[in-house]
PDB file of N, CA and C in Angstrom:
ATOM      1  N   MET A   1      61.826-112.679 173.761  1.00  0.00           N
ATOM      2  CA  MET A   1      62.257-113.798 172.770  1.00  0.00           C
ATOM      3  C   MET A   1      63.112-112.072 171.411  1.00  0.00           C
ATOM      4  N   GLN A   2      64.108-113.282 171.551  1.00  0.00           N
ATOM      5  CA  GLN A   2      64.647-112.555 169.929  1.00  0.00           C
ATOM      6  C   GLN A   2      63.579-113.283 168.660  1.00  0.00           C
ATOM      7  N   LEU A   3      64.012-112.624 168.124  1.00  0.00           N
ATOM      8  CA  LEU A   3      63.187-112.768 166.424  1.00  0.00           C
ATOM      9  C   LEU A   3      64.237-113.614 166.333  1.00  0.00           C
ATOM     10  N   ARG A   4      65.369-114.134 166.111  1.00  0.00           N
ATOM     11  CA  ARG A   4      66.288-115.288 166.332  1.00  0.00           C
ATOM     12  C   ARG A   4      65.515-116.230 166.521  1.00  0.00           C
ATOM     13  N   GLU A   5      65.002-116.739 167.877  1.00  0.00           N
ATOM     14  CA  GLU A   5      64.721-117.654 168.698  1.00  0.00           C
ATOM     15  C   GLU A   5      62.561-117.901 167.323  1.00  0.00           C
ATOM     16  N   THR A   6      62.160-116.733 166.906  1.00  0.00           N
ATOM     17  CA  THR A   6      61.178-117.060 166.169  1.00  0.00           C
ATOM     18  C   THR A   6      61.356-117.195 164.978  1.00  0.00           C
ATOM     19  N   PRO A   7      60.503-118.627 164.471  1.00  0.00           N
ATOM     20  CA  PRO A   7      60.381-118.829 162.795  1.00  0.00           C
ATOM     21  C   PRO A   7      59.722-117.990 162.823  1.00  0.00           C
ATOM     22  N   HIS A   8      60.736-117.292 160.916  1.00  0.00           N
ATOM     23  CA  HIS A   8      60.023-116.474 160.539  1.00  0.00           C
ATOM     24  C   HIS A   8      60.925-116.373 158.975  1.00  0.00           C
ATOM     25  N   THR A   9      60.142-115.478 157.965  1.00  0.00           N
ATOM     26  CA  THR A   9      60.382-115.004 156.632  1.00  0.00           C
ATOM     27  C   THR A   9      61.455-113.656 156.626  1.00  0.00           C
ATOM     28  N   GLU A  10      62.719-113.582 156.614  1.00  0.00           N
ATOM     29  CA  GLU A  10      62.667-112.784 155.522  1.00  0.00           C
ATOM     30  C   GLU A  10      63.020-112.082 154.545  1.00  0.00           C
ATOM     31  N   ILE A  11      62.781-110.165 154.461  1.00  0.00           N
ATOM     32  CA  ILE A  11      61.937-110.331 153.325  1.00  0.00           C
ATOM     33  C   ILE A  11      62.989-109.274 153.365  1.00  0.00           C
ATOM     34  N   ILE A  12      64.050-109.368 151.969  1.00  0.00           N
ATOM     35  CA  ILE A  12      64.661-107.802 151.738  1.00  0.00           C
ATOM     36  C   ILE A  12      64.709-107.075 150.449  1.00  0.00           C
ATOM     37  N   PHE A  13      64.234-106.204 150.646  1.00  0.00           N
ATOM     38  CA  PHE A  13      64.470-105.276 149.357  1.00  0.00           C
ATOM     39  C   PHE A  13      65.476-104.098 149.136  1.00  0.00           C
ATOM     40  N   TYR A  14      65.877-103.589 147.764  1.00  0.00           N
ATOM     41  CA  TYR A  14      66.840-103.053 147.596  1.00  0.00           C
ATOM     42  C   TYR A  14      66.705-102.458 146.102  1.00  0.00           C
ATOM     43  N   CYS A  15      66.555-101.288 146.926  1.00  0.00           N
ATOM     44  CA  CYS A  15      66.801-100.139 145.840  1.00  0.00           C
ATOM     45  C   CYS A  15      67.341 -99.305 144.812  1.00  0.00           C
ATOM     46  N   SER A  16      66.926 -99.829 143.630  1.00  0.00           N
ATOM     47  CA  SER A  16      69.038 -98.495 142.754  1.00  0.00           C
ATOM     48  C   SER A  16      68.672 -97.156 143.118  1.00  0.00           C
ATOM     49  N   PRO A  17      69.761 -96.638 142.571  1.00  0.00           N
ATOM     50  CA  PRO A  17      69.599 -95.047 143.074  1.00  0.00           C
ATOM     51  C   PRO A  17      68.708 -94.732 141.865  1.00  0.00           C
ATOM     52  N   GLN A  18      68.451 -94.989 140.368  1.00  0.00           N
ATOM     53  CA  GLN A  18      67.390 -94.560 139.097  1.00  0.00           C
ATOM     54  C   GLN A  18      66.364 -94.368 140.250  1.00  0.00           C
ATOM     55  N   HIS A  19      65.804 -95.621 141.416  1.00  0.00           N
ATOM     56  CA  HIS A  19      64.408 -95.942 141.828  1.00  0.00           C
ATOM     57  C   HIS A  19      63.932 -94.433 143.317  1.00  0.00           C
ATOM     58  N   GLN A  20      65.334 -93.430 143.690  1.00  0.00           N
ATOM     59  CA  GLN A  20      65.148 -93.447 144.370  1.00  0.00           C
ATOM     60  C   GLN A  20      63.841 -92.646 145.446  1.00  0.00           C
ATOM     61  N   THR A  21      63.621 -91.529 144.778  1.00  0.00           N
ATOM     62  CA  THR A  21      62.418 -90.966 144.820  1.00  0.00           C
ATOM     63  C   THR A  21      60.821 -92.051 145.106  1.00  0.00           C
ATOM     64  N   SER A  22      61.323 -93.854 144.561  1.00  0.00           N
ATOM     65  CA  SER A  22      59.897 -94.496 145.099  1.00  0.00           C
ATOM     66  C   SER A  22      60.529 -95.104 146.466  1.00  0.00           C
ATOM     67  N   ALA A  23      59.814 -95.519 147.220  1.00  0.00           N
ATOM     68  CA  ALA A  23      60.531 -95.682 148.763  1.00  0.00           C
ATOM     69  C   ALA A  23      59.535 -97.723 148.738  1.00  0.00           C
ATOM     70  N   LEU A  24      58.458 -97.269 147.484  1.00  0.00           N
ATOM     71  CA  LEU A  24      58.119 -98.780 147.091  1.00  0.00           C
ATOM     72  C   LEU A  24      57.946 -99.255 145.997  1.00  0.00           C
ATOM     73  N   TRP A  25      59.268 -98.390 144.909  1.00  0.00           N
ATOM     74  CA  TRP A  25      59.515 -99.445 144.030  1.00  0.00           C
ATOM     75  C   TRP A  25      59.905-100.447 143.705  1.00  0.00           C
ATOM     76  N   PRO A  26      61.022-101.245 145.045  1.00  0.00           N
ATOM     77  CA  PRO A  26      61.014-102.492 145.202  1.00  0.00           C
ATOM     78  C   PRO A  26      59.905-103.227 145.802  1.00  0.00           C
ATOM     79  N   ALA A  27      58.628-103.176 146.279  1.00  0.00           N
ATOM     80  CA  ALA A  27      57.471-104.145 146.753  1.00  0.00           C
ATOM     81  C   ALA A  27      56.583-104.301 145.723  1.00  0.00           C
ATOM     82  N   ILE A  28      57.072-103.151 144.629  1.00  0.00           N
ATOM     83  CA  ILE A  28      56.139-102.578 142.659  1.00  0.00           C
ATOM     84  C   ILE A  28      56.565-104.252 141.832  1.00  0.00           C
ATOM     85  N   GLN A  29      58.388-103.774 142.851  1.00  0.00           N
ATOM     86  CA  GLN A  29      58.872-105.012 141.426  1.00  0.00           C
ATOM     87  C   GLN A  29      58.882-105.803 141.731  1.00  0.00           C
ATOM     88  N   GLN A  30      58.618-106.279 143.500  1.00  0.00           N
ATOM     89  CA  GLN A  30      58.230-107.926 143.309  1.00  0.00           C
ATOM     90  C   GLN A  30      56.900-108.324 142.926  1.00  0.00           C
ATOM     91  N   LEU A  31      56.153-107.925 143.381  1.00  0.00           N
ATOM     92  CA  LEU A  31      54.832-108.234 143.186  1.00  0.00           C
ATOM     93  C   LEU A  31      54.185-108.084 141.632  1.00  0.00           C
ATOM     94  N   GLN A  32      55.397-107.207 140.594  1.00  0.00           N
ATOM     95  CA  GLN A  32      55.053-107.865 139.310  1.00  0.00           C
ATOM     96  C   GLN A  32      55.731-108.569 138.914  1.00  0.00           C
ATOM     97  N   ARG A  33      56.898-108.783 139.126  1.00  0.00           N
ATOM     98  CA  ARG A  33      57.632-110.423 139.100  1.00  0.00           C
ATOM     99  C   ARG A  33      57.108-111.712 139.370  1.00  0.00           C
ATOM    100  N   ALA A  34      56.898-111.413 140.541  1.00  0.00           N
ATOM    101  CA  ALA A  34      55.566-112.689 141.333  1.00  0.00           C
ATOM    102  C   ALA A  34      54.390-113.118 140.780  1.00  0.00           C
ATOM    103  N   ARG A  35      53.863-112.364 140.202  1.00  0.00           N
ATOM    104  CA  ARG A  35      52.368-112.239 139.201  1.00  0.00           C
ATOM    105  C   ARG A  35      52.656-112.754 137.421  1.00  0.00           C
ATOM    106  N   GLY A  36      53.729-112.360 137.450  1.00  0.00           N
ATOM    107  CA  GLY A  36      54.262-112.430 136.024  1.00  0.00           C
ATOM    108  C   GLY A  36      53.503-111.410 134.742  1.00  0.00           C
ATOM    109  N   PHE A  37      53.164-110.135 135.601  1.00  0.00           N
ATOM    110  CA  PHE A  37      52.713-109.410 133.774  1.00  0.00           C
ATOM    111  C   PHE A  37      53.737-108.937 133.689  1.00  0.00           C
ATOM    112  N   GLY A  38      53.520-109.066 132.375  1.00  0.00           N
ATOM    113  CA  GLY A  38      54.136-108.624 130.991  1.00  0.00           C
ATOM    114  C   GLY A  38      53.337-107.547 130.666  1.00  0.00           C
ATOM    115  N   GLY A  39      54.220-106.941 129.668  1.00  0.00           N
ATOM    116  CA  GLY A  39      53.742-105.850 128.772  1.00  0.00           C
ATOM    117  C   GLY A  39      52.647-105.905 128.618  1.00  0.00           C
ATOM    118  N   GLU A  40      52.333-107.250 127.625  1.00  0.00           N
ATOM    119  CA  GLU A  40      51.206-107.046 127.171  1.00  0.00           C
ATOM    120  C   GLU A  40      49.823-107.476 127.127  1.00  0.00           C
ATOM    121  N   GLN A  41      49.424-107.660 128.950  1.00  0.00           N
ATOM    122  CA  GLN A  41      48.690-107.763 129.120  1.00  0.00           C
ATOM    123  C   GLN A  41      47.477-106.373 129.491  1.00  0.00           C
ATOM    124  N   ASP A  42      46.153-106.767 129.358  1.00  0.00           N
ATOM    125  CA  ASP A  42      45.907-105.839 129.564  1.00  0.00           C
ATOM    126  C   ASP A  42      45.606-104.704 131.171  1.00  0.00           C
ATOM    127  N   ASP A  43      44.228-104.653 131.788  1.00  0.00           N
ATOM    128  CA  ASP A  43      44.901-104.023 133.364  1.00  0.00           C
ATOM    129  C   ASP A  43      43.492-105.338 133.423  1.00  0.00           C
ATOM    130  N   VAL A  44      42.442-105.533 132.626  1.00  0.00           N
ATOM    131  CA  VAL A  44      41.955-107.125 133.563  1.00  0.00           C
ATOM    132  C   VAL A  44      42.171-107.646 133.136  1.00  0.00           C
ATOM    133  N   ALA A  45      43.221-108.097 132.579  1.00  0.00           N
ATOM    134  CA  ALA A  45      44.357-109.318 132.525  1.00  0.00           C
ATOM    135  C   ALA A  45      45.060-109.674 134.261  1.00  0.00           C
ATOM    136  N   ARG A  46      46.275-108.795 134.738  1.00  0.00           N
ATOM    137  CA  ARG A  46      46.322-108.347 135.510  1.00  0.00           C
ATOM    138  C   ARG A  46      46.038-108.394 136.908  1.00  0.00           C
ATOM    139  N   ARG A  47      44.468-107.914 136.853  1.00  0.00           N
ATOM    140  CA  ARG A  47      44.113-107.460 137.690  1.00  0.00           C
ATOM    141  C   ARG A  47      43.199-108.940 138.369  1.00  0.00           C
ATOM    142  N   GLU A  48      42.654-109.726 137.513  1.00  0.00           N
ATOM    143  CA  GLU A  48      42.188-111.385 137.423  1.00  0.00           C
ATOM    144  C   GLU A  48      43.653-111.903 138.432  1.00  0.00           C
ATOM    145  N   ARG A  49      45.187-111.847 137.782  1.00  0.00           N
ATOM    146  CA  ARG A  49      46.552-112.294 138.069  1.00  0.00           C
ATOM    147  C   ARG A  49      46.057-112.033 139.546  1.00  0.00           C
ATOM    148  N   LEU A  50      45.965-110.892 139.850  1.00  0.00           N
ATOM    149  CA  LEU A  50      46.428-110.491 140.788  1.00  0.00           C
ATOM    150  C   LEU A  50      45.161-110.578 141.696  1.00  0.00           C
ATOM    151  N   ARG A  51      43.934-110.998 141.672  1.00  0.00           N
ATOM    152  CA  ARG A  51      42.363-111.491 142.419  1.00  0.00           C
ATOM    153  C   ARG A  51      42.907-112.953 142.469  1.00  0.00           C
ATOM    154  N   HIS A  52      43.401-113.410 141.907  1.00  0.00           N
ATOM    155  CA  HIS A  52      43.776-115.068 142.477  1.00  0.00           C
ATOM    156  C   HIS A  52      45.160-115.511 142.569  1.00  0.00           C
ATOM    157  N   PHE A  53      45.858-114.495 142.635  1.00  0.00           N
ATOM    158  CA  PHE A  53      46.969-115.331 143.744  1.00  0.00           C
ATOM    159  C   PHE A  53      46.613-114.750 145.243  1.00  0.00           C
ATOM    160  N   LEU A  54      46.366-113.388 144.773  1.00  0.00           N
ATOM    161  CA  LEU A  54      45.535-112.757 146.255  1.00  0.00           C
ATOM    162  C   LEU A  54      44.496-113.989 146.941  1.00  0.00           C
ATOM    163  N   GLY A  55      43.880-114.793 146.211  1.00  0.00           N
ATOM    164  CA  GLY A  55      42.310-115.232 146.570  1.00  0.00           C
ATOM    165  C   GLY A  55      43.198-117.329 147.103  1.00  0.00           C
ATOM    166  N   ASP A  56      44.691-117.521 147.077  1.00  0.00           N
ATOM    167  CA  ASP A  56      45.230-117.968 146.699  1.00  0.00           C
ATOM    168  C   ASP A  56      45.695-117.739 148.766  1.00  0.00           C
ATOM    169  N   LEU A  57      45.764-116.511 148.352  1.00  0.00           N
ATOM    170  CA  LEU A  57      46.103-117.146 150.148  1.00  0.00           C
ATOM    171  C   LEU A  57      44.748-116.494 151.019  1.00  0.00           C
ATOM    172  N   ASP A  58      44.046-116.924 150.874  1.00  0.00           N
ATOM    173  CA  ASP A  58      43.266-116.173 151.108  1.00  0.00           C
ATOM    174  C   ASP A  58      42.720-114.600 151.387  1.00  0.00           C
ATOM    175  N   LEU A  59      42.849-113.390 150.330  1.00  0.00           N
ATOM    176  CA  LEU A  59      43.157-112.281 150.474  1.00  0.00           C
ATOM    177  C   LEU A  59      42.703-111.630 149.754  1.00  0.00           C
ATOM    178  N   ASP A  60      41.726-112.465 149.046  1.00  0.00           N
ATOM    179  CA  ASP A  60      40.832-111.369 147.538  1.00  0.00           C
ATOM    180  C   ASP A  60      39.867-111.291 147.875  1.00  0.00           C
ATOM    181  N   ARG A  61      40.397-109.662 148.963  1.00  0.00           N
ATOM    182  CA  ARG A  61      38.363-108.748 149.328  1.00  0.00           C
ATOM    183  C   ARG A  61      39.702-107.334 148.777  1.00  0.00           C
ATOM    184  N   ALA A  62      38.128-106.966 148.732  1.00  0.00           N
ATOM    185  CA  ALA A  62      38.521-105.728 148.036  1.00  0.00           C
ATOM    186  C   ALA A  62      39.541-104.833 148.953  1.00  0.00           C
ATOM    187  N   ASP A  63      39.815-104.750 149.823  1.00  0.00           N
ATOM    188  CA  ASP A  63      40.378-103.816 150.423  1.00  0.00           C
ATOM    189  C   ASP A  63      41.553-104.457 150.676  1.00  0.00           C
ATOM    190  N   VAL A  64      41.738-105.455 149.898  1.00  0.00           N
ATOM    191  CA  VAL A  64      43.444-106.224 150.022  1.00  0.00           C
ATOM    192  C   VAL A  64      43.490-105.596 148.351  1.00  0.00           C
ATOM    193  N   VAL A  65      42.699-105.830 147.362  1.00  0.00           N
ATOM    194  CA  VAL A  65      43.296-106.140 146.126  1.00  0.00           C
ATOM    195  C   VAL A  65      43.157-104.817 145.379  1.00  0.00           C
ATOM    196  N   GLU A  66      42.321-103.845 145.096  1.00  0.00           N
ATOM    197  CA  GLU A  66      42.266-102.199 145.154  1.00  0.00           C
ATOM    198  C   GLU A  66      43.931-102.077 145.275  1.00  0.00           C
ATOM    199  N   PRO A  67      43.916-101.867 146.558  1.00  0.00           N
ATOM    200  CA  PRO A  67      44.890-101.068 146.848  1.00  0.00           C
ATOM    201  C   PRO A  67      46.194-101.584 146.486  1.00  0.00           C
ATOM    202  N   LEU A  68      46.641-102.859 146.268  1.00  0.00           N
ATOM    203  CA  LEU A  68      47.687-103.390 145.493  1.00  0.00           C
ATOM    204  C   LEU A  68      47.006-103.444 143.910  1.00  0.00           C
ATOM    205  N   ALA A  69      46.059-103.233 143.865  1.00  0.00           N
ATOM    206  CA  ALA A  69      46.042-103.020 141.645  1.00  0.00           C
ATOM    207  C   ALA A  69      46.377-101.028 142.128  1.00  0.00           C
ATOM    208  N   MET A  70      46.252-100.409 142.746  1.00  0.00           N
ATOM    209  CA  MET A  70      46.243 -99.540 142.825  1.00  0.00           C
ATOM    210  C   MET A  70      48.456 -98.941 142.579  1.00  0.00           C
ATOM    211  N   LEU A  71      48.862 -99.645 143.686  1.00  0.00           N
ATOM    212  CA  LEU A  71      50.238 -99.364 143.575  1.00  0.00           C
ATOM    213  C   LEU A  71      51.004 -99.971 142.468  1.00  0.00           C
ATOM    214  N   LEU A  72      49.907-101.403 141.532  1.00  0.00           N
ATOM    215  CA  LEU A  72      50.457-101.317 140.727  1.00  0.00           C
ATOM    216  C   LEU A  72      49.999-100.786 139.073  1.00  0.00           C
ATOM    217  N   GLY A  73      49.569 -99.550 139.500  1.00  0.00           N
ATOM    218  CA  GLY A  73      49.751 -98.212 138.389  1.00  0.00           C
ATOM    219  C   GLY A  73      48.526 -99.252 137.538  1.00  0.00           C
ATOM    220  N   LEU A  74      47.091-100.244 137.790  1.00  0.00           N
ATOM    221  CA  LEU A  74      45.852-100.862 137.380  1.00  0.00           C
ATOM    222  C   LEU A  74      45.237 -99.525 137.264  1.00  0.00           C
ATOM    223  N   SER A  75      44.158 -99.363 136.284  1.00  0.00           N
ATOM    224  CA  SER A  75      42.639 -98.487 136.585  1.00  0.00           C
ATOM    225  C   SER A  75      41.739 -99.271 137.872  1.00  0.00           C
ATOM    226  N   ALA A  76      41.666 -98.181 138.425  1.00  0.00           N
ATOM    227  CA  ALA A  76      40.265 -98.158 139.801  1.00  0.00           C
ATOM    228  C   ALA A  76      38.994 -99.555 139.046  1.00  0.00           C
ATOM    229  N   ASP A  77      38.983-100.664 140.085  1.00  0.00           N
ATOM    230  CA  ASP A  77      37.554-100.975 139.456  1.00  0.00           C
ATOM    231  C   ASP A  77      37.077-100.395 139.879  1.00  0.00           C
ATOM    232  N   PRO A  78      35.481-100.202 138.778  1.00  0.00           N
ATOM    233  CA  PRO A  78      34.591 -99.586 138.960  1.00  0.00           C
ATOM    234  C   PRO A  78      33.653 -99.835 140.048  1.00  0.00           C
ATOM    235  N   GLY A  79      33.432-101.154 140.893  1.00  0.00           N
ATOM    236  CA  GLY A  79      32.694-101.715 141.473  1.00  0.00           C
ATOM    237  C   GLY A  79      33.307-101.007 142.948  1.00  0.00           C
ATOM    238  N   TRP A  80      34.770-101.004 142.987  1.00  0.00           N
ATOM    239  CA  TRP A  80      34.967-100.591 144.846  1.00  0.00           C
ATOM    240  C   TRP A  80      34.846 -99.237 144.944  1.00  0.00           C
ATOM    241  N   ASN A  81      34.438 -98.649 146.178  1.00  0.00           N
ATOM    242  CA  ASN A  81      34.261 -97.737 146.322  1.00  0.00           C
ATOM    243  C   ASN A  81      35.482 -97.183 146.929  1.00  0.00           C
ATOM    244  N   ALA A  82      35.818 -96.218 145.460  1.00  0.00           N
ATOM    245  CA  ALA A  82      37.263 -94.803 146.100  1.00  0.00           C
ATOM    246  C   ALA A  82      37.046 -93.808 146.498  1.00  0.00           C
ATOM    247  N   GLY A  83      36.465 -94.086 147.930  1.00  0.00           N
ATOM    248  CA  GLY A  83      36.182 -93.056 148.788  1.00  0.00           C
ATOM    249  C   GLY A  83      38.338 -92.612 148.856  1.00  0.00           C
ATOM    250  N   LEU A  84      38.659 -93.143 148.350  1.00  0.00           N
ATOM    251  CA  LEU A  84      40.301 -92.999 148.932  1.00  0.00           C
ATOM    252  C   LEU A  84      40.985 -91.317 148.328  1.00  0.00           C
ATOM    253  N   ALA A  85      40.239 -90.894 148.427  1.00  0.00           N
ATOM    254  CA  ALA A  85      40.148 -89.213 147.772  1.00  0.00           C
ATOM    255  C   ALA A  85      41.831 -89.138 148.331  1.00  0.00           C
ATOM    256  N   ASP A  86      41.832 -89.015 149.739  1.00  0.00           N
ATOM    257  CA  ASP A  86      42.864 -88.151 150.331  1.00  0.00           C
ATOM    258  C   ASP A  86      44.268 -89.045 150.418  1.00  0.00           C
ATOM    259  N   PRO A  87      45.176 -88.329 149.654  1.00  0.00           N
ATOM    260  CA  PRO A  87      46.307 -89.480 149.563  1.00  0.00           C
ATOM    261  C   PRO A  87      46.711 -90.287 150.926  1.00  0.00           C
ATOM    262  N   GLU A  88      46.477 -89.259 151.927  1.00  0.00           N
ATOM    263  CA  GLU A  88      46.291 -90.551 153.374  1.00  0.00           C
ATOM    264  C   GLU A  88      46.078 -91.615 153.693  1.00  0.00           C
ATOM    265  N   GLN A  89      44.355 -91.474 153.372  1.00  0.00           N
ATOM    266  CA  GLN A  89      43.561 -92.638 153.380  1.00  0.00           C
ATOM    267  C   GLN A  89      44.611 -93.556 152.255  1.00  0.00           C
ATOM    268  N   VAL A  90      44.944 -92.937 150.988  1.00  0.00           N
ATOM    269  CA  VAL A  90      45.411 -94.408 150.338  1.00  0.00           C
ATOM    270  C   VAL A  90      46.725 -94.164 150.529  1.00  0.00           C
ATOM    271  N   ARG A  91      47.572 -94.338 151.340  1.00  0.00           N
ATOM    272  CA  ARG A  91      48.464 -94.666 151.789  1.00  0.00           C
ATOM    273  C   ARG A  91      48.524 -95.801 153.004  1.00  0.00           C
ATOM    274  N   ARG A  92      47.448 -95.120 153.656  1.00  0.00           N
ATOM    275  CA  ARG A  92      47.155 -96.478 155.024  1.00  0.00           C
ATOM    276  C   ARG A  92      46.440 -96.895 154.510  1.00  0.00           C
ATOM    277  N   ALA A  93      45.900 -97.439 153.443  1.00  0.00           N
ATOM    278  CA  ALA A  93      45.270 -98.455 152.440  1.00  0.00           C
ATOM    279  C   ALA A  93      46.003 -99.240 152.087  1.00  0.00           C
ATOM    280  N   VAL A  94      47.129 -97.913 151.356  1.00  0.00           N
ATOM    281  CA  VAL A  94      48.742 -99.302 150.966  1.00  0.00           C
ATOM    282  C   VAL A  94      49.194 -99.755 151.455  1.00  0.00           C
ATOM    283  N   PHE A  95      49.332 -99.768 152.313  1.00  0.00           N
ATOM    284  CA  PHE A  95      50.804-100.507 153.564  1.00  0.00           C
ATOM    285  C   PHE A  95      50.011-101.040 154.298  1.00  0.00           C
ATOM    286  N   ALA A  96      48.282-101.390 154.491  1.00  0.00           N
ATOM    287  CA  ALA A  96      47.846-102.309 155.062  1.00  0.00           C
ATOM    288  C   ALA A  96      47.535-103.772 154.495  1.00  0.00           C
ATOM    289  N   ALA A  97      47.482-103.206 152.909  1.00  0.00           N
ATOM    290  CA  ALA A  97      47.631-104.552 152.251  1.00  0.00           C
ATOM    291  C   ALA A  97      49.047-105.251 151.614  1.00  0.00           C
ATOM    292  N   LEU A  98      49.672-104.769 151.953  1.00  0.00           N
ATOM    293  CA  LEU A  98      51.230-105.172 152.087  1.00  0.00           C
ATOM    294  C   LEU A  98      51.465-105.870 152.834  1.00  0.00           C
ATOM    295  N   SER A  99      50.756-105.021 154.441  1.00  0.00           N
ATOM    296  CA  SER A  99      50.900-105.504 155.284  1.00  0.00           C
ATOM    297  C   SER A  99      50.400-107.300 155.635  1.00  0.00           C
ATOM    298  N   ARG A 100      49.214-106.678 155.288  1.00  0.00           N
ATOM    299  CA  ARG A 100      48.576-108.550 154.782  1.00  0.00           C
ATOM    300  C   ARG A 100      49.231-109.671 153.638  1.00  0.00           C
ATOM    301  N   LEU A 101      49.164-109.058 152.964  1.00  0.00           N
ATOM    302  CA  LEU A 101      50.065-109.888 152.444  1.00  0.00           C
ATOM    303  C   LEU A 101      51.213-110.110 152.647  1.00  0.00           C
ATOM    304  N   THR A 102      52.707-109.980 153.741  1.00  0.00           N
ATOM    305  CA  THR A 102      53.075-110.246 154.148  1.00  0.00           C
ATOM    306  C   THR A 102      53.221-110.488 155.331  1.00  0.00           C
ATOM    307  N   SER A 103      52.418-110.803 155.591  1.00  0.00           N
ATOM    308  CA  SER A 103      51.684-111.946 157.103  1.00  0.00           C
ATOM    309  C   SER A 103      51.428-112.654 156.113  1.00  0.00           C
ATOM    310  N   ALA A 104      50.678-113.025 155.218  1.00  0.00           N
ATOM    311  CA  ALA A 104      50.341-114.334 154.759  1.00  0.00           C
ATOM    312  C   ALA A 104      51.166-114.707 154.283  1.00  0.00           C
ATOM    313  N   ILE A 105      52.437-114.936 153.361  1.00  0.00           N
ATOM    314  CA  ILE A 105      53.169-115.205 152.700  1.00  0.00           C
ATOM    315  C   ILE A 105      54.237-115.925 154.373  1.00  0.00           C
ATOM    316  N   GLY A 106      54.190-115.015 154.967  1.00  0.00           N
ATOM    317  CA  GLY A 106      55.114-115.250 155.865  1.00  0.00           C
ATOM    318  C   GLY A 106      54.925-116.602 156.977  1.00  0.00           C
TER     319      GLY A 106
END
């Protein structure tokens, strides 16, 4: 079966030349725009907006919220097991969270 025969959502991200060193820059910017993050909000308010957004998609679990919060540059939640000290574990957690988010939206 070909993709065009299957219902799907196409997601396209473009990166500017100024952000060539960050493959996830477009995803970060999209998350920030979608959540309406502004410079005036503190980390607690931004985390709550993220958690509320993910809750609407039944994704308000720590294994999704915390990696996405890290991706958005929010400080770590003290209650979360931040045992992801290894960069490879962090990368896998972020990509797993993005995959769950993409599946839930599409």
